[in-house]
Amino acid sequence: MARMWLRIRVNLLGGRGVALKPAPGRVFIAGPSHAFGDLAWAIDLGFARWDLAHLHGFELTGGAGS
């Protein structure tokens, strides 16, 4: 397993029909043992989300995602 840690920047572009300008952002650090579910949970906490009954999707560079 690779021992690489990733620095991931997430920008909140908008929601509920509202575009945010400038888009607020957060930086997350993920290690080899973290899963996409861990990242989704951290994003929800980082943006103080209270409506947690939503789907999560990730789009990776090159079109891959889950």
Protein backbone atom coordinates (compact mmCIF):
# COMPACT_ATOMS: atom_id res chain seq x y z
CA MET A 1 0.00 0.00 0.00
CA ALA A 2 1.27 3.46 -0.90
CA ARG A 3 2.21 5.73 1.99
CA MET A 4 1.00 8.84 0.20
CA TRP A 5 -1.18 11.43 1.91
CA LEU A 6 -3.38 13.67 -0.22
CA ARG A 7 -4.26 17.32 0.26
CA ILE A 8 -7.81 17.76 -1.07
CA ARG A 9 -9.41 21.16 -1.61
CA VAL A 10 -13.22 21.23 -1.64
CA ASN A 11 -15.14 24.33 -2.76
CA LEU A 12 -18.86 24.77 -2.07
CA LEU A 13 -20.13 26.25 -5.34
CA GLY A 14 -23.75 26.61 -4.27
CA GLY A 15 -26.92 24.83 -3.33
CA ARG A 16 -30.70 25.13 -3.35
CA GLY A 17 -30.50 27.26 -6.49
CA VAL A 18 -28.02 29.75 -5.00
CA ALA A 19 -24.54 30.25 -6.46
CA LEU A 20 -21.95 31.26 -3.87
CA LYS A 21 -19.46 33.93 -4.95
CA PRO A 22 -16.79 33.61 -3.75
CA ALA A 23 -17.19 29.90 -3.14
CA PRO A 24 -16.17 28.95 0.42
CA GLY A 25 -13.57 26.21 0.56
CA ARG A 26 -11.92 23.79 2.94
CA VAL A 27 -8.72 21.75 2.74
CA PHE A 28 -8.78 18.11 3.87
CA ILE A 29 -5.96 15.62 4.35
CA ALA A 30 -6.55 11.96 3.47
CA GLY A 31 -4.28 9.02 4.09
CA PRO A 32 -4.05 5.56 2.54
CA SER A 33 -6.52 4.04 5.00
CA HIS A 34 -9.28 6.63 4.44
CA ALA A 35 -12.30 5.74 2.30
CA PHE A 36 -14.62 7.97 0.29
CA GLY A 37 -17.15 7.64 3.14
CA ASP A 38 -14.59 9.18 5.52
CA LEU A 39 -14.09 12.08 3.12
CA ALA A 40 -17.85 12.60 2.78
CA TRP A 41 -18.23 12.69 6.58
CA ALA A 42 -15.35 15.17 6.92
CA ILE A 43 -16.84 17.43 4.23
CA ASP A 44 -20.23 17.41 6.00
CA LEU A 45 -18.54 18.40 9.27
CA GLY A 46 -16.25 20.94 7.60
CA PHE A 47 -19.18 22.80 6.04
CA ALA A 48 -21.43 22.36 9.13
CA ARG A 49 -24.05 20.42 7.17
CA TRP A 50 -27.13 19.52 9.13
CA ASP A 51 -29.18 17.94 6.29
CA LEU A 52 -27.31 14.65 6.16
CA ALA A 53 -29.99 12.72 4.22
CA HIS A 54 -28.34 13.20 0.84
CA LEU A 55 -26.26 11.09 -1.52
CA HIS A 56 -22.53 11.57 -1.89
CA GLY A 57 -20.69 11.44 -5.18
CA PHE A 58 -17.08 12.10 -6.06
CA GLU A 59 -15.62 12.89 -9.46
CA LEU A 60 -11.92 12.28 -9.85
CA THR A 61 -9.56 13.71 -12.44
CA GLY A 62 -9.83 11.57 -15.56
CA GLY A 63 -13.55 10.88 -15.07
CA ALA A 64 -13.28 8.09 -12.49
CA GLY A 65 -15.43 8.30 -9.37
CA SER A 66 -17.70 6.52 -6.96
